C-alpha atoms as a PDB file:
ATOM      1  CA  UNK A   1       0.112  -0.107   0.215  1.00  0.00           C
ATOM      2  CA  UNK A   2       1.018   3.295  -0.506  1.00  0.00           C
ATOM      3  CA  UNK A   3       0.993   6.414   1.737  1.00  0.00           C
ATOM      4  CA  UNK A   4       1.500  10.206   1.151  1.00  0.00           C
ATOM      5  CA  UNK A   5      -0.214   9.917  -2.598  1.00  0.00           C
ATOM      6  CA  UNK A   6      -1.161  13.487  -2.492  1.00  0.00           C
ATOM      7  CA  UNK A   7       2.461  14.714  -0.592  1.00  0.00           C
ATOM      8  CA  UNK A   8       3.488  15.970  -4.030  1.00  0.00           C
ATOM      9  CA  UNK A   9       0.660  18.652  -4.611  1.00  0.00           C
ATOM     10  CA  UNK A  10       0.534  18.892  -0.978  1.00  0.00           C
ATOM     11  CA  UNK A  11       4.478  20.219  -0.879  1.00  0.00           C
ATOM     12  CA  UNK A  12       3.740  22.318  -4.036  1.00  0.00           C
ATOM     13  CA  UNK A  13       1.383  24.146  -2.291  1.00  0.00           C
ATOM     14  CA  UNK A  14       3.526  24.997   0.441  1.00  0.00           C
ATOM     15  CA  UNK A  15       5.942  26.072  -1.691  1.00  0.00           C
ATOM     16  CA  UNK A  16       3.858  28.439  -3.349  1.00  0.00           C
ATOM     17  CA  UNK A  17       2.380  29.528  -0.010  1.00  0.00           C
ATOM     18  CA  UNK A  18       5.710  29.877   1.514  1.00  0.00           C
ATOM     19  CA  UNK A  19       6.949  33.125  -0.266  1.00  0.00           C
ATOM     20  CA  UNK A  20       3.546  35.404   0.672  1.00  0.00           C
ATOM     21  CA  UNK A  21       4.545  39.005   1.472  1.00  0.00           C
ATOM     22  CA  UNK A  22       4.669  40.363   5.048  1.00  0.00           C
ATOM     23  CA  UNK A  23       2.667  43.340   6.022  1.00  0.00           C
ATOM     24  CA  UNK A  24       4.521  46.099   5.828  1.00  0.00           C
ATOM     25  CA  UNK A  25       5.781  48.279   8.605  1.00  0.00           C
ATOM     26  CA  UNK A  26       8.211  51.153  10.022  1.00  0.00           C
ATOM     27  CA  UNK A  27      11.846  50.209   9.006  1.00  0.00           C
ATOM     28  CA  UNK A  28      13.194  53.440  10.617  1.00  0.00           C
ATOM     29  CA  UNK A  29      11.240  53.457  14.170  1.00  0.00           C
ATOM     30  CA  UNK A  30      13.502  52.132  16.689  1.00  0.00           C
ATOM     31  CA  UNK A  31      11.853  53.526  19.997  1.00  0.00           C
ATOM     32  CA  UNK A  32      11.207  50.886  22.782  1.00  0.00           C
ATOM     33  CA  UNK A  33       7.299  50.140  21.996  1.00  0.00           C
ATOM     34  CA  UNK A  34       5.190  51.004  24.980  1.00  0.00           C
ATOM     35  CA  UNK A  35       1.138  51.701  23.575  1.00  0.00           C
ATOM     36  CA  UNK A  36      -0.535  48.786  21.507  1.00  0.00           C
ATOM     37  CA  UNK A  37       0.062  51.169  18.435  1.00  0.00           C
ATOM     38  CA  UNK A  38       4.180  51.100  19.248  1.00  0.00           C
ATOM     39  CA  UNK A  39       3.790  47.002  19.780  1.00  0.00           C
ATOM     40  CA  UNK A  40       1.473  46.932  16.505  1.00  0.00           C
ATOM     41  CA  UNK A  41       4.100  48.708  14.479  1.00  0.00           C
ATOM     42  CA  UNK A  42       6.982  46.987  15.938  1.00  0.00           C
ATOM     43  CA  UNK A  43       5.295  43.976  15.035  1.00  0.00           C
ATOM     44  CA  UNK A  44       4.829  44.900  11.375  1.00  0.00           C
ATOM     45  CA  UNK A  45       8.333  45.948  11.066  1.00  0.00           C
ATOM     46  CA  UNK A  46       9.526  42.212  12.149  1.00  0.00           C
ATOM     47  CA  UNK A  47       7.107  40.597  10.243  1.00  0.00           C
ATOM     48  CA  UNK A  48       8.394  42.360   6.977  1.00  0.00           C
ATOM     49  CA  UNK A  49      11.831  41.542   7.812  1.00  0.00           C
ATOM     50  CA  UNK A  50      10.593  37.228   8.272  1.00  0.00           C
ATOM     51  CA  UNK A  51      11.343  37.429  12.086  1.00  0.00           C
ATOM     52  CA  UNK A  52       8.153  35.758  13.043  1.00  0.00           C
ATOM     53  CA  UNK A  53       8.644  34.693  16.443  1.00  0.00           C
ATOM     54  CA  UNK A  54       9.482  38.275  17.734  1.00  0.00           C
ATOM     55  CA  UNK A  55       6.757  39.676  15.414  1.00  0.00           C
ATOM     56  CA  UNK A  56       4.303  36.888  17.458  1.00  0.00           C
ATOM     57  CA  UNK A  57       5.368  38.450  20.588  1.00  0.00           C
ATOM     58  CA  UNK A  58       4.516  42.089  19.772  1.00  0.00           C
ATOM     59  CA  UNK A  59       1.404  41.783  17.878  1.00  0.00           C
ATOM     60  CA  UNK A  60       0.450  39.551  21.055  1.00  0.00           C
ATOM     61  CA  UNK A  61       1.730  42.550  23.245  1.00  0.00           C
ATOM     62  CA  UNK A  62      -0.533  44.905  21.250  1.00  0.00           C
ATOM     63  CA  UNK A  63      -3.606  42.559  21.877  1.00  0.00           C
ATOM     64  CA  UNK A  64      -3.071  42.570  25.756  1.00  0.00           C
ATOM     65  CA  UNK A  65      -3.391  46.359  26.179  1.00  0.00           C
ATOM     66  CA  UNK A  66      -7.269  45.937  24.596  1.00  0.00           C
ATOM     67  CA  UNK A  67      -6.996  48.528  22.418  1.00  0.00           C
ATOM     68  CA  UNK A  68      -9.923  48.494  20.051  1.00  0.00           C
ATOM     69  CA  UNK A  69      -8.332  50.449  17.188  1.00  0.00           C
ATOM     70  CA  UNK A  70      -5.724  47.982  16.785  1.00  0.00           C
ATOM     71  CA  UNK A  71      -7.050  45.005  17.834  1.00  0.00           C
ATOM     72  CA  UNK A  72      -8.446  43.452  14.467  1.00  0.00           C
ATOM     73  CA  UNK A  73      -5.319  44.839  12.864  1.00  0.00           C
ATOM     74  CA  UNK A  74      -3.234  43.206  15.517  1.00  0.00           C
ATOM     75  CA  UNK A  75      -4.901  40.057  15.083  1.00  0.00           C
ATOM     76  CA  UNK A  76      -4.898  39.872  11.567  1.00  0.00           C
ATOM     77  CA  UNK A  77      -1.113  40.052  11.091  1.00  0.00           C
ATOM     78  CA  UNK A  78      -0.610  37.565  14.056  1.00  0.00           C
ATOM     79  CA  UNK A  79      -2.295  35.246  11.642  1.00  0.00           C
ATOM     80  CA  UNK A  80       0.155  36.515   9.089  1.00  0.00           C
ATOM     81  CA  UNK A  81       2.987  35.703  11.818  1.00  0.00           C
ATOM     82  CA  UNK A  82       1.752  32.154  12.587  1.00  0.00           C
ATOM     83  CA  UNK A  83       0.976  30.380   9.443  1.00  0.00           C
ATOM     84  CA  UNK A  84       4.889  31.664   8.283  1.00  0.00           C
ATOM     85  CA  UNK A  85       6.098  29.974  11.537  1.00  0.00           C
ATOM     86  CA  UNK A  86       4.343  26.549  10.203  1.00  0.00           C
ATOM     87  CA  UNK A  87       6.040  27.178   6.906  1.00  0.00           C
ATOM     88  CA  UNK A  88       9.210  27.719   8.359  1.00  0.00           C
ATOM     89  CA  UNK A  89       8.864  24.282  10.264  1.00  0.00           C
ATOM     90  CA  UNK A  90       7.839  22.291   7.227  1.00  0.00           C
ATOM     91  CA  UNK A  91      10.994  23.949   5.374  1.00  0.00           C
ATOM     92  CA  UNK A  92      13.500  22.837   7.941  1.00  0.00           C
ATOM     93  CA  UNK A  93      11.977  19.312   8.607  1.00  0.00           C
ATOM     94  CA  UNK A  94      12.386  16.274   6.671  1.00  0.00           C
ATOM     95  CA  UNK A  95      11.435  15.744   2.774  1.00  0.00           C
ATOM     96  CA  UNK A  96       8.249  14.147   3.343  1.00  0.00           C
ATOM     97  CA  UNK A  97       8.317  12.558   0.032  1.00  0.00           C
ATOM     98  CA  UNK A  98      11.776  10.903   1.165  1.00  0.00           C
ATOM     99  CA  UNK A  99      10.411   9.527   4.395  1.00  0.00           C
ATOM    100  CA  UNK A 100       7.559   8.003   2.618  1.00  0.00           C
ATOM    101  CA  UNK A 101       9.991   6.553   0.035  1.00  0.00           C
ATOM    102  CA  UNK A 102      11.897   5.102   2.727  1.00  0.00           C
ATOM    103  CA  UNK A 103       8.784   3.798   5.317  1.00  0.00           C
ATOM    104  CA  UNK A 104       7.680   1.643   1.963  1.00  0.00           C
ATOM    105  CA  UNK A 105      11.154   0.399   0.996  1.00  0.00           C
ATOM    106  CA  UNK A 106      11.592  -1.165   4.841  1.00  0.00           C
ATOM    107  CA  UNK A 107       7.936  -2.357   4.863  1.00  0.00           C
ATOM    108  CA  UNK A 108       8.286  -4.265   1.260  1.00  0.00           C
ATOM    109  CA  UNK A 109      11.963  -5.678   2.626  1.00  0.00           C
ATOM    110  CA  UNK A 110      10.544  -6.953   6.099  1.00  0.00           C
ATOM    111  CA  UNK A 111       7.699  -8.503   4.083  1.00  0.00           C
ATOM    112  CA  UNK A 112      10.069 -10.419   2.021  1.00  0.00           C
ATOM    113  CA  UNK A 113      12.534 -11.215   5.227  1.00  0.00           C
ATOM    114  CA  UNK A 114       9.562 -12.598   6.840  1.00  0.00           C
ATOM    115  CA  UNK A 115       8.319 -14.908   3.865  1.00  0.00           C
ATOM    116  CA  UNK A 116      11.834 -16.101   3.607  1.00  0.00           C
ATOM    117  CA  UNK A 117      11.879 -16.987   7.652  1.00  0.00           C
ATOM    118  CA  UNK A 118       8.462 -18.617   7.622  1.00  0.00           C
ATOM    119  CA  UNK A 119      10.086 -20.855   4.316  1.00  0.00           C
ATOM    120  CA  UNK A 120      13.366 -21.682   6.003  1.00  0.00           C
ATOM    121  CA  UNK A 121      11.462 -22.672   9.425  1.00  0.00           C
ATOM    122  CA  UNK A 122       9.213 -25.074   7.743  1.00  0.00           C
ATOM    123  CA  UNK A 123      12.080 -26.590   5.649  1.00  0.00           C
ATOM    124  CA  UNK A 124      14.594 -26.720   8.563  1.00  0.00           C
ATOM    125  CA  UNK A 125      17.370 -26.371   6.419  1.00  0.00           C
ATOM    126  CA  UNK A 126      20.555 -24.948   8.446  1.00  0.00           C
ATOM    127  CA  UNK A 127      21.728 -22.890   5.641  1.00  0.00           C
ATOM    128  CA  UNK A 128      18.253 -21.245   4.707  1.00  0.00           C
ATOM    129  CA  UNK A 129      17.319 -20.634   8.393  1.00  0.00           C
ATOM    130  CA  UNK A 130      21.195 -18.565   8.857  1.00  0.00           C
ATOM    131  CA  UNK A 131      19.995 -16.737   5.938  1.00  0.00           C
ATOM    132  CA  UNK A 132      17.053 -16.052   7.078  1.00  0.00           C
ATOM    133  CA  UNK A 133      17.886 -14.934  10.351  1.00  0.00           C
ATOM    134  CA  UNK A 134      20.348 -12.472   8.831  1.00  0.00           C
ATOM    135  CA  UNK A 135      17.775 -10.848   6.252  1.00  0.00           C
ATOM    136  CA  UNK A 136      15.511 -10.718   9.199  1.00  0.00           C
ATOM    137  CA  UNK A 137      17.680  -8.738  11.123  1.00  0.00           C
ATOM    138  CA  UNK A 138      18.835  -6.328   8.462  1.00  0.00           C
ATOM    139  CA  UNK A 139      14.887  -5.515   7.893  1.00  0.00           C
ATOM    140  CA  UNK A 140      14.242  -5.286  11.483  1.00  0.00           C
ATOM    141  CA  UNK A 141      17.070  -2.684  11.563  1.00  0.00           C
ATOM    142  CA  UNK A 142      16.138  -0.635   8.203  1.00  0.00           C
ATOM    143  CA  UNK A 143      12.201  -0.723  10.119  1.00  0.00           C
ATOM    144  CA  UNK A 144      13.905   1.295  12.957  1.00  0.00           C
ATOM    145  CA  UNK A 145      15.768   3.865  10.597  1.00  0.00           C
ATOM    146  CA  UNK A 146      12.093   4.376   8.690  1.00  0.00           C
ATOM    147  CA  UNK A 147      10.509   4.518  12.243  1.00  0.00           C
ATOM    148  CA  UNK A 148      12.351   6.982  13.327  1.00  0.00           C
ATOM    149  CA  UNK A 149      12.226   9.004  10.150  1.00  0.00           C
ATOM    150  CA  UNK A 150       8.296   9.067  10.545  1.00  0.00           C
ATOM    151  CA  UNK A 151       8.573   9.800  14.171  1.00  0.00           C
ATOM    152  CA  UNK A 152      10.815  12.942  13.078  1.00  0.00           C
ATOM    153  CA  UNK A 153       8.225  13.858  10.429  1.00  0.00           C
ATOM    154  CA  UNK A 154       5.519  13.515  12.763  1.00  0.00           C
ATOM    155  CA  UNK A 155       6.924  15.988  15.277  1.00  0.00           C
ATOM    156  CA  UNK A 156       7.215  18.316  12.501  1.00  0.00           C
ATOM    157  CA  UNK A 157       3.677  18.010  10.902  1.00  0.00           C
ATOM    158  CA  UNK A 158       1.998  18.444  14.680  1.00  0.00           C
ATOM    159  CA  UNK A 159       4.347  21.678  15.659  1.00  0.00           C
ATOM    160  CA  UNK A 160       2.924  23.041  12.179  1.00  0.00           C
ATOM    161  CA  UNK A 161      -0.806  21.847  12.632  1.00  0.00           C
ATOM    162  CA  UNK A 162      -0.448  24.107  15.960  1.00  0.00           C
ATOM    163  CA  UNK A 163       0.627  27.026  14.372  1.00  0.00           C
ATOM    164  CA  UNK A 164      -1.834  26.702  11.639  1.00  0.00           C
ATOM    165  CA  UNK A 165      -4.426  26.256  14.190  1.00  0.00           C
ATOM    166  CA  UNK A 166      -3.917  29.319  16.312  1.00  0.00           C
ATOM    167  CA  UNK A 167      -3.269  31.579  12.731  1.00  0.00           C
ATOM    168  CA  UNK A 168      -6.901  30.202  11.217  1.00  0.00           C
ATOM    169  CA  UNK A 169      -8.230  31.671  14.662  1.00  0.00           C
ATOM    170  CA  UNK A 170      -6.387  34.827  14.621  1.00  0.00           C
ATOM    171  CA  UNK A 171      -8.178  35.348  11.084  1.00  0.00           C
ATOM    172  CA  UNK A 172     -11.487  34.410  12.025  1.00  0.00           C
ATOM    173  CA  UNK A 173     -10.989  36.877  15.042  1.00  0.00           C
ATOM    174  CA  UNK A 174      -9.894  39.409  12.955  1.00  0.00           C
ATOM    175  CA  UNK A 175     -13.181  38.977  10.823  1.00  0.00           C
ATOM    176  CA  UNK A 176     -15.354  39.182  14.030  1.00  0.00           C
ATOM    177  CA  UNK A 177     -13.910  42.495  15.361  1.00  0.00           C
ATOM    178  CA  UNK A 178     -14.070  44.286  11.647  1.00  0.00           C
ATOM    179  CA  UNK A 179     -16.966  41.868   9.617  1.00  0.00           C
ATOM    180  CA  UNK A 180     -15.897  44.233   6.403  1.00  0.00           C
ATOM    181  CA  UNK A 181     -12.622  42.466   6.183  1.00  0.00           C
ATOM    182  CA  UNK A 182     -13.055  39.764   3.759  1.00  0.00           C
ATOM    183  CA  UNK A 183      -9.333  39.523   3.421  1.00  0.00           C
ATOM    184  CA  UNK A 184      -9.077  38.096   6.867  1.00  0.00           C
ATOM    185  CA  UNK A 185     -11.929  35.830   6.637  1.00  0.00           C
ATOM    186  CA  UNK A 186     -10.340  34.175   3.202  1.00  0.00           C
ATOM    187  CA  UNK A 187      -7.286  33.749   4.944  1.00  0.00           C
ATOM    188  CA  UNK A 188      -9.169  31.842   7.680  1.00  0.00           C
ATOM    189  CA  UNK A 189     -10.719  29.545   5.047  1.00  0.00           C
ATOM    190  CA  UNK A 190      -7.569  28.977   3.329  1.00  0.00           C
ATOM    191  CA  UNK A 191      -5.350  28.121   6.741  1.00  0.00           C
ATOM    192  CA  UNK A 192      -8.012  25.385   7.304  1.00  0.00           C
ATOM    193  CA  UNK A 193      -7.603  23.973   4.158  1.00  0.00           C
ATOM    194  CA  UNK A 194      -3.837  23.671   4.854  1.00  0.00           C
ATOM    195  CA  UNK A 195      -5.090  22.385   8.060  1.00  0.00           C
ATOM    196  CA  UNK A 196      -7.225  19.874   6.221  1.00  0.00           C
ATOM    197  CA  UNK A 197      -4.394  18.591   4.000  1.00  0.00           C
ATOM    198  CA  UNK A 198      -2.020  18.641   7.035  1.00  0.00           C
ATOM    199  CA  UNK A 199      -4.383  16.474   8.876  1.00  0.00           C
ATOM    200  CA  UNK A 200      -4.584  13.817   5.881  1.00  0.00           C
ATOM    201  CA  UNK A 201      -0.700  13.536   5.916  1.00  0.00           C
ATOM    202  CA  UNK A 202      -0.905  12.590   9.735  1.00  0.00           C
ATOM    203  CA  UNK A 203      -3.301  10.018   9.195  1.00  0.00           C
ATOM    204  CA  UNK A 204      -1.356   8.766   6.565  1.00  0.00           C
ATOM    205  CA  UNK A 205       1.653   8.617   8.637  1.00  0.00           C
ATOM    206  CA  UNK A 206       0.089   7.175  11.735  1.00  0.00           C
ATOM    207  CA  UNK A 207      -1.117   4.158   9.441  1.00  0.00           C
ATOM    208  CA  UNK A 208       2.125   3.698   7.947  1.00  0.00           C
ATOM    209  CA  UNK A 209       3.839   3.947  12.184  1.00  0.00           C
ATOM    210  CA  UNK A 210       1.194   0.987  12.682  1.00  0.00           C
ATOM    211  CA  UNK A 211       2.438  -0.847   9.831  1.00  0.00           C
ATOM    212  CA  UNK A 212       5.903  -0.836  10.931  1.00  0.00           C
ATOM    213  CA  UNK A 213       5.134  -1.675  14.184  1.00  0.00           C
ATOM    214  CA  UNK A 214       3.405  -4.684  12.799  1.00  0.00           C
ATOM    215  CA  UNK A 215       5.617  -5.694  11.188  1.00  0.00           C
ATOM    216  CA  UNK A 216       8.960  -4.923  13.751  1.00  0.00           C
ATOM    217  CA  UNK A 217       6.673  -7.476  15.959  1.00  0.00           C
ATOM    218  CA  UNK A 218       6.598 -10.100  13.651  1.00  0.00           C
ATOM    219  CA  UNK A 219       9.851 -10.030  12.818  1.00  0.00           C
ATOM    220  CA  UNK A 220      11.081 -10.401  16.620  1.00  0.00           C
ATOM    221  CA  UNK A 221       8.849 -13.410  16.836  1.00  0.00           C
ATOM    222  CA  UNK A 222      10.485 -14.811  13.538  1.00  0.00           C
ATOM    223  CA  UNK A 223      13.865 -14.398  14.616  1.00  0.00           C
ATOM    224  CA  UNK A 224      13.426 -15.755  18.238  1.00  0.00           C
ATOM    225  CA  UNK A 225      12.030 -19.301  16.300  1.00  0.00           C
ATOM    226  CA  UNK A 226      15.301 -19.149  14.204  1.00  0.00           C
ATOM    227  CA  UNK A 227      17.231 -18.615  17.201  1.00  0.00           C
ATOM    228  CA  UNK A 228      15.627 -21.579  18.969  1.00  0.00           C
ATOM    229  CA  UNK A 229      16.656 -23.746  15.704  1.00  0.00           C
ATOM    230  CA  UNK A 230      20.223 -22.934  15.196  1.00  0.00           C
ATOM    231  CA  UNK A 231      22.856 -24.586  17.120  1.00  0.00           C
ATOM    232  CA  UNK A 232      25.316 -22.462  18.722  1.00  0.00           C
ATOM    233  CA  UNK A 233      28.226 -23.729  16.995  1.00  0.00           C
ATOM    234  CA  UNK A 234      26.670 -22.663  13.502  1.00  0.00           C
ATOM    235  CA  UNK A 235      25.325 -19.393  14.296  1.00  0.00           C
ATOM    236  CA  UNK A 236      25.550 -16.722  12.011  1.00  0.00           C
ATOM    237  CA  UNK A 237      28.103 -14.019  12.906  1.00  0.00           C
ATOM    238  CA  UNK A 238      27.208 -10.572  14.141  1.00  0.00           C
ATOM    239  CA  UNK A 239      28.409  -7.225  15.332  1.00  0.00           C
ATOM    240  CA  UNK A 240      29.957  -7.921  18.810  1.00  0.00           C
ATOM    241  CA  UNK A 241      28.219  -5.724  21.474  1.00  0.00           C
ATOM    242  CA  UNK A 242      25.551  -4.856  19.156  1.00  0.00           C
ATOM    243  CA  UNK A 243      22.780  -4.680  21.372  1.00  0.00           C
ATOM    244  CA  UNK A 244      20.448  -2.854  19.346  1.00  0.00           C
ATOM    245  CA  UNK A 245      20.181  -5.133  16.770  1.00  0.00           C
ATOM    246  CA  UNK A 246      19.277  -8.089  19.485  1.00  0.00           C
ATOM    247  CA  UNK A 247      16.753  -6.534  22.132  1.00  0.00           C
ATOM    248  CA  UNK A 248      18.141  -8.659  24.805  1.00  0.00           C
ATOM    249  CA  UNK A 249      21.360  -8.760  24.560  1.00  0.00           C
ATOM    250  CA  UNK A 250      22.127 -12.452  23.190  1.00  0.00           C
ATOM    251  CA  UNK A 251      25.705 -12.659  20.730  1.00  0.00           C
ATOM    252  CA  UNK A 252      25.536 -14.834  18.158  1.00  0.00           C
ATOM    253  CA  UNK A 253      27.860 -17.467  20.105  1.00  0.00           C
ATOM    254  CA  UNK A 254      25.330 -18.250  22.620  1.00  0.00           C
ATOM    255  CA  UNK A 255      22.430 -18.573  20.544  1.00  0.00           C
ATOM    256  CA  UNK A 256      21.795 -22.309  20.833  1.00  0.00           C
ATOM    257  CA  UNK A 257      18.279 -22.953  22.548  1.00  0.00           C
ATOM    258  CA  UNK A 258      17.628 -19.170  23.101  1.00  0.00           C
ATOM    259  CA  UNK A 259      14.477 -17.491  22.734  1.00  0.00           C
ATOM    260  CA  UNK A 260      14.522 -13.913  21.866  1.00  0.00           C
ATOM    261  CA  UNK A 261      12.920 -12.038  24.989  1.00  0.00           C
ATOM    262  CA  UNK A 262      10.156  -9.467  24.487  1.00  0.00           C
ATOM    263  CA  UNK A 263      10.480  -6.161  23.028  1.00  0.00           C
ATOM    264  CA  UNK A 264      11.436  -3.201  24.750  1.00  0.00           C
ATOM    265  CA  UNK A 265       8.992  -0.768  25.950  1.00  0.00           C
ATOM    266  CA  UNK A 266      11.392   1.862  24.292  1.00  0.00           C
ATOM    267  CA  UNK A 267      11.112  -0.220  21.293  1.00  0.00           C
ATOM    268  CA  UNK A 268       7.447   0.854  20.867  1.00  0.00           C
ATOM    269  CA  UNK A 269       6.583   3.721  18.296  1.00  0.00           C
ATOM    270  CA  UNK A 270       7.033   6.795  20.241  1.00  0.00           C
ATOM    271  CA  UNK A 271       5.293   9.710  18.480  1.00  0.00           C
ATOM    272  CA  UNK A 272       5.558  13.219  19.863  1.00  0.00           C
ATOM    273  CA  UNK A 273       2.184  13.529  20.547  1.00  0.00           C
ATOM    274  CA  UNK A 274       0.226  12.009  23.871  1.00  0.00           C
ATOM    275  CA  UNK A 275      -2.646   9.696  22.795  1.00  0.00           C
ATOM    276  CA  UNK A 276      -5.056  12.023  23.860  1.00  0.00           C
ATOM    277  CA  UNK A 277      -3.521  15.145  21.723  1.00  0.00           C
ATOM    278  CA  UNK A 278      -2.815  12.598  18.578  1.00  0.00           C
ATOM    279  CA  UNK A 279      -6.798  11.564  19.326  1.00  0.00           C
ATOM    280  CA  UNK A 280      -7.954  15.367  19.261  1.00  0.00           C
ATOM    281  CA  UNK A 281      -5.999  16.379  15.928  1.00  0.00           C
ATOM    282  CA  UNK A 282      -6.717  13.123  13.747  1.00  0.00           C
ATOM    283  CA  UNK A 283     -10.265  12.286  14.973  1.00  0.00           C
ATOM    284  CA  UNK A 284     -11.884  15.179  16.746  1.00  0.00           C
ATOM    285  CA  UNK A 285     -10.797  18.068  15.312  1.00  0.00           C
ATOM    286  CA  UNK A 286     -13.407  20.496  13.864  1.00  0.00           C
ATOM    287  CA  UNK A 287     -13.191  22.321  11.005  1.00  0.00           C
ATOM    288  CA  UNK A 288     -15.650  25.376  10.618  1.00  0.00           C
ATOM    289  CA  UNK A 289     -18.541  24.274  13.181  1.00  0.00           C
ATOM    290  CA  UNK A 290     -17.381  20.586  13.269  1.00  0.00           C
ATOM    291  CA  UNK A 291     -17.848  19.837   9.189  1.00  0.00           C
ATOM    292  CA  UNK A 292     -14.524  19.340   7.588  1.00  0.00           C
ATOM    293  CA  UNK A 293     -13.561  21.776   5.192  1.00  0.00           C
ATOM    294  CA  UNK A 294     -13.887  20.718   1.451  1.00  0.00           C
ATOM    295  CA  UNK A 295     -10.389  21.050  -1.052  1.00  0.00           C
ATOM    296  CA  UNK A 296     -11.571  23.745  -2.960  1.00  0.00           C
ATOM    297  CA  UNK A 297      -9.390  24.621  -6.484  1.00  0.00           C
ATOM    298  CA  UNK A 298      -7.838  27.604  -4.733  1.00  0.00           C
ATOM    299  CA  UNK A 299      -6.453  25.574  -1.861  1.00  0.00           C
ATOM    300  CA  UNK A 300      -2.374  26.290  -2.931  1.00  0.00           C
ATOM    301  CA  UNK A 301      -3.508  29.891  -2.709  1.00  0.00           C
ATOM    302  CA  UNK A 302      -1.538  32.011  -0.202  1.00  0.00           C
ATOM    303  CA  UNK A 303      -3.311  33.865   2.565  1.00  0.00           C
ATOM    304  CA  UNK A 304      -3.819  37.156   1.364  1.00  0.00           C
ATOM    305  CA  UNK A 305      -2.038  40.187   2.873  1.00  0.00           C
ATOM    306  CA  UNK A 306      -2.804  43.031   3.882  1.00  0.00           C
ATOM    307  CA  UNK A 307      -0.566  46.386   4.337  1.00  0.00           C
ATOM    308  CA  UNK A 308      -0.236  47.359   8.115  1.00  0.00           C
ATOM    309  CA  UNK A 309      -0.652  51.397   8.478  1.00  0.00           C
ATOM    310  CA  UNK A 310       1.847  52.892  10.928  1.00  0.00           C
ATOM    311  CA  UNK A 311       1.092  55.613  13.224  1.00  0.00           C
END
């Protein structure tokens, strides 16, 4: 089964949006901000200079003053800053197409190793069992590497999703405060479309992680059977002290009659989200009043920019 089937179009959409222009700000004012307008103008300047983290703080400070004259503008630009932060996470993160390809290769190799191992066990031919054992260890090593890559990708997606959810709320808030601001409404819709695509990708990675974990368990059981069938004198060579490939730490010269211990807890897939968080994101996330946002033909559009005004 292939995963990430829409990844190419997804990344293309991200690339199109990554260069959206920031709001214009005062590039000469270096006075320490005090008022809501000061914080807003400082944030607009930082946004222009692509200092998104600092811009976020300034717009938040402008909002805490509860100055109604700048609230809608600050929320609008805060949405831009947070959307851009999510883009930066993705740009600096792992290549998602490579992650998908690595996972699919590891799963395919694991399937072949399992078939080879079961065949060798059925025939009880020593040379085949030794070869199947070595293949199984190699396949399990590949699965661990793929699992690590998927975990890293999910971490990036999780951070991006959090920023984009907040950005959507910012744009919605700006539209509520200023119903005439159609750009804010449109930006909220576009951001929700990106969120929907990101959630789809998270689902695909979760499925891949589940398949990897299941196949690792199957390989572990098969390797345990092979260990029990290979006499100690004929045990295949292995890297001395390589406990990572054999969870129980049993070395090749002591394989006779041994059975592989249960996998350590640390070998299970540890995604950077708690079960409750993952459930909320993947199964309970509400888009636009609880209904899933349909993908429009403008899904690749970038949030519209509106030049901020300085006072």
